[in-house]
Amino acid sequence: MNDLLTLHEVSTFLKVPKSTIYKLARERRLPGHKVGKHWRFVKEEIEAWVQNAGIEEPVGAGHQNGSHERFSLN
């Protein structure tokens, strides 16, 4: 079974305020699952998100010289 993390645990892991985690999860920019009133996060999904965070390929564009377009998480 996958390890589930609470909002507090993700906040600690990412070293950002809980309010940021709520915002990113609500906007579906951070992978999470709402169970009743509570958010739960699959550890492997959060780790994969961290590995890929900040990298976005523009629609219709291919990799050019291995570069990636950066975007802000805020």
N, C-alpha and C. Protein backbone atom coordinates (compact mmCIF):
# COMPACT_ATOMS: atom_id res chain seq x y z
N MET A 1 0.84 -1.19 0.00
CA MET A 1 0.00 0.00 0.00
C MET A 1 0.89 1.25 0.00
N ASN A 2 0.42 2.27 -0.67
CA ASN A 2 1.15 3.53 -0.71
C ASN A 2 1.05 4.26 0.62
N ASP A 3 2.14 4.92 0.99
CA ASP A 3 2.12 5.71 2.23
C ASP A 3 1.32 6.98 2.00
N LEU A 4 0.43 7.28 2.93
CA LEU A 4 -0.35 8.51 2.87
C LEU A 4 0.23 9.53 3.83
N LEU A 5 0.28 10.77 3.39
CA LEU A 5 0.77 11.86 4.22
C LEU A 5 -0.36 12.82 4.51
N THR A 6 -0.32 13.43 5.68
CA THR A 6 -1.29 14.47 6.03
C THR A 6 -0.81 15.80 5.46
N LEU A 7 -1.65 16.79 5.51
CA LEU A 7 -1.29 18.13 5.07
C LEU A 7 -0.10 18.65 5.87
N HIS A 8 -0.10 18.41 7.16
CA HIS A 8 1.00 18.85 8.01
C HIS A 8 2.31 18.18 7.60
N GLU A 9 2.26 16.89 7.31
CA GLU A 9 3.47 16.16 6.91
C GLU A 9 4.02 16.67 5.57
N VAL A 10 3.12 16.97 4.62
CA VAL A 10 3.56 17.52 3.33
C VAL A 10 4.14 18.91 3.52
N SER A 11 3.51 19.70 4.37
CA SER A 11 4.01 21.04 4.68
C SER A 11 5.43 20.96 5.25
N THR A 12 5.66 20.05 6.15
CA THR A 12 6.98 19.87 6.74
C THR A 12 7.98 19.36 5.70
N PHE A 13 7.57 18.39 4.91
CA PHE A 13 8.43 17.81 3.89
C PHE A 13 8.87 18.86 2.86
N LEU A 14 7.92 19.69 2.41
CA LEU A 14 8.23 20.70 1.39
C LEU A 14 8.76 22.00 1.99
N LYS A 15 8.66 22.10 3.33
CA LYS A 15 9.12 23.30 4.04
C LYS A 15 8.43 24.56 3.55
N VAL A 16 7.11 24.45 3.42
CA VAL A 16 6.26 25.59 3.07
C VAL A 16 5.06 25.61 4.00
N PRO A 17 4.44 26.79 4.15
CA PRO A 17 3.28 26.88 5.05
C PRO A 17 2.11 25.99 4.61
N LYS A 18 1.32 25.59 5.58
CA LYS A 18 0.13 24.77 5.29
C LYS A 18 -0.80 25.48 4.32
N SER A 19 -0.90 26.80 4.43
CA SER A 19 -1.79 27.56 3.53
C SER A 19 -1.37 27.39 2.07
N THR A 20 -0.07 27.27 1.82
CA THR A 20 0.42 27.06 0.45
C THR A 20 0.03 25.68 -0.04
N ILE A 21 0.13 24.69 0.84
CA ILE A 21 -0.26 23.33 0.46
C ILE A 21 -1.76 23.29 0.14
N TYR A 22 -2.60 23.91 0.99
CA TYR A 22 -4.04 23.98 0.71
C TYR A 22 -4.29 24.59 -0.66
N LYS A 23 -3.64 25.72 -0.93
CA LYS A 23 -3.86 26.44 -2.18
C LYS A 23 -3.46 25.59 -3.38
N LEU A 24 -2.26 25.00 -3.34
CA LEU A 24 -1.79 24.19 -4.46
C LEU A 24 -2.66 22.96 -4.67
N ALA A 25 -3.09 22.32 -3.60
CA ALA A 25 -3.95 21.14 -3.72
C ALA A 25 -5.32 21.52 -4.27
N ARG A 26 -5.88 22.60 -3.74
CA ARG A 26 -7.20 23.06 -4.20
C ARG A 26 -7.17 23.40 -5.68
N GLU A 27 -6.08 24.00 -6.14
CA GLU A 27 -5.93 24.39 -7.55
C GLU A 27 -5.47 23.22 -8.43
N ARG A 28 -5.31 22.05 -7.82
CA ARG A 28 -4.87 20.83 -8.50
C ARG A 28 -3.47 20.97 -9.11
N ARG A 29 -2.65 21.81 -8.48
CA ARG A 29 -1.27 21.97 -8.91
C ARG A 29 -0.35 21.06 -8.11
N LEU A 30 -0.87 20.49 -7.03
CA LEU A 30 -0.16 19.54 -6.19
C LEU A 30 -1.06 18.31 -6.09
N PRO A 31 -0.54 17.12 -6.36
CA PRO A 31 -1.41 15.93 -6.32
C PRO A 31 -1.86 15.61 -4.90
N GLY A 32 -3.16 15.58 -4.72
CA GLY A 32 -3.73 15.29 -3.41
C GLY A 32 -5.13 14.74 -3.55
N HIS A 33 -5.64 14.20 -2.46
CA HIS A 33 -6.97 13.59 -2.45
C HIS A 33 -7.73 14.10 -1.24
N LYS A 34 -8.94 14.56 -1.45
CA LYS A 34 -9.75 15.05 -0.35
C LYS A 34 -10.59 13.89 0.19
N VAL A 35 -10.49 13.66 1.49
CA VAL A 35 -11.27 12.63 2.17
C VAL A 35 -12.12 13.36 3.19
N GLY A 36 -13.40 13.55 2.87
CA GLY A 36 -14.23 14.38 3.73
C GLY A 36 -13.70 15.80 3.73
N LYS A 37 -13.36 16.31 4.88
CA LYS A 37 -12.79 17.65 5.00
C LYS A 37 -11.27 17.65 4.97
N HIS A 38 -10.68 16.49 4.93
CA HIS A 38 -9.24 16.36 5.11
C HIS A 38 -8.53 16.03 3.79
N TRP A 39 -7.36 16.60 3.62
CA TRP A 39 -6.51 16.28 2.48
C TRP A 39 -5.54 15.17 2.85
N ARG A 40 -5.33 14.26 1.92
CA ARG A 40 -4.32 13.22 2.06
C ARG A 40 -3.50 13.19 0.78
N PHE A 41 -2.23 12.86 0.92
CA PHE A 41 -1.30 12.90 -0.18
C PHE A 41 -0.53 11.59 -0.24
N VAL A 42 -0.40 11.02 -1.43
CA VAL A 42 0.37 9.79 -1.61
C VAL A 42 1.85 10.20 -1.69
N LYS A 43 2.64 9.62 -0.81
CA LYS A 43 4.05 10.00 -0.69
C LYS A 43 4.77 9.93 -2.04
N GLU A 44 4.57 8.86 -2.78
CA GLU A 44 5.24 8.69 -4.07
C GLU A 44 4.83 9.78 -5.06
N GLU A 45 3.56 10.21 -5.02
CA GLU A 45 3.09 11.27 -5.92
C GLU A 45 3.74 12.60 -5.56
N ILE A 46 3.89 12.88 -4.28
CA ILE A 46 4.53 14.12 -3.84
C ILE A 46 6.01 14.10 -4.23
N GLU A 47 6.67 12.97 -4.02
CA GLU A 47 8.09 12.88 -4.40
C GLU A 47 8.27 13.07 -5.90
N ALA A 48 7.38 12.48 -6.71
CA ALA A 48 7.46 12.65 -8.17
C ALA A 48 7.18 14.10 -8.55
N TRP A 49 6.23 14.73 -7.86
CA TRP A 49 5.91 16.13 -8.12
C TRP A 49 7.12 17.01 -7.82
N VAL A 50 7.82 16.73 -6.74
CA VAL A 50 9.01 17.51 -6.39
C VAL A 50 10.06 17.34 -7.49
N GLN A 51 10.25 16.13 -7.98
CA GLN A 51 11.24 15.88 -9.03
C GLN A 51 10.91 16.64 -10.31
N ASN A 52 9.62 16.83 -10.61
CA ASN A 52 9.20 17.47 -11.85
C ASN A 52 8.75 18.91 -11.67
N ALA A 53 8.65 19.39 -10.45
CA ALA A 53 8.15 20.76 -10.20
C ALA A 53 9.06 21.78 -10.86
N GLY A 54 8.43 22.76 -11.49
CA GLY A 54 9.19 23.83 -12.10
C GLY A 54 9.53 23.57 -13.55
N ILE A 55 9.18 22.40 -14.07
CA ILE A 55 9.47 22.10 -15.47
C ILE A 55 8.16 21.91 -16.21
N GLU A 56 8.00 22.69 -17.25
CA GLU A 56 6.80 22.59 -18.05
C GLU A 56 7.19 22.78 -19.50
N GLU A 57 6.71 21.90 -20.36
CA GLU A 57 7.00 22.06 -21.77
C GLU A 57 5.85 22.80 -22.42
N PRO A 58 6.13 23.92 -23.10
CA PRO A 58 5.05 24.67 -23.77
C PRO A 58 4.35 23.79 -24.79
N VAL A 59 3.05 23.99 -24.95
CA VAL A 59 2.25 23.21 -25.89
C VAL A 59 2.81 23.40 -27.29
N GLY A 60 3.02 22.27 -28.01
CA GLY A 60 3.49 22.32 -29.38
C GLY A 60 5.00 22.51 -29.51
N ALA A 61 5.70 22.64 -28.42
CA ALA A 61 7.15 22.84 -28.49
C ALA A 61 7.87 21.56 -28.12
N GLY A 62 8.96 21.30 -28.79
CA GLY A 62 9.78 20.15 -28.44
C GLY A 62 10.95 20.62 -27.60
N HIS A 63 11.72 19.69 -27.12
CA HIS A 63 12.92 20.05 -26.36
C HIS A 63 13.92 20.68 -27.31
N GLN A 64 14.42 21.82 -26.94
CA GLN A 64 15.44 22.49 -27.73
C GLN A 64 16.70 22.59 -26.89
N ASN A 65 17.74 21.90 -27.33
CA ASN A 65 19.01 21.90 -26.61
C ASN A 65 18.86 21.43 -25.16
N GLY A 66 17.87 20.60 -24.88
CA GLY A 66 17.69 20.07 -23.53
C GLY A 66 17.16 21.08 -22.53
N SER A 67 16.73 22.25 -23.00
CA SER A 67 16.24 23.27 -22.07
C SER A 67 14.76 23.07 -21.78
N HIS A 68 14.33 23.58 -20.66
CA HIS A 68 12.93 23.51 -20.24
C HIS A 68 12.45 24.90 -19.87
N GLU A 69 11.17 25.12 -20.06
CA GLU A 69 10.54 26.37 -19.64
C GLU A 69 10.26 26.27 -18.15
N ARG A 70 10.59 27.27 -17.38
CA ARG A 70 10.35 27.28 -15.93
C ARG A 70 9.07 28.05 -15.64
N PHE A 71 8.36 27.64 -14.60
CA PHE A 71 7.18 28.37 -14.16
C PHE A 71 7.19 28.46 -12.65
N SER A 72 6.46 29.43 -12.15
CA SER A 72 6.41 29.67 -10.71
C SER A 72 5.32 28.83 -10.08
N LEU A 73 5.57 28.32 -8.88
CA LEU A 73 4.57 27.56 -8.14
C LEU A 73 3.68 28.46 -7.30
N ASN A 74 3.92 29.73 -7.30
CA ASN A 74 3.13 30.68 -6.50
C ASN A 74 2.10 31.38 -7.32
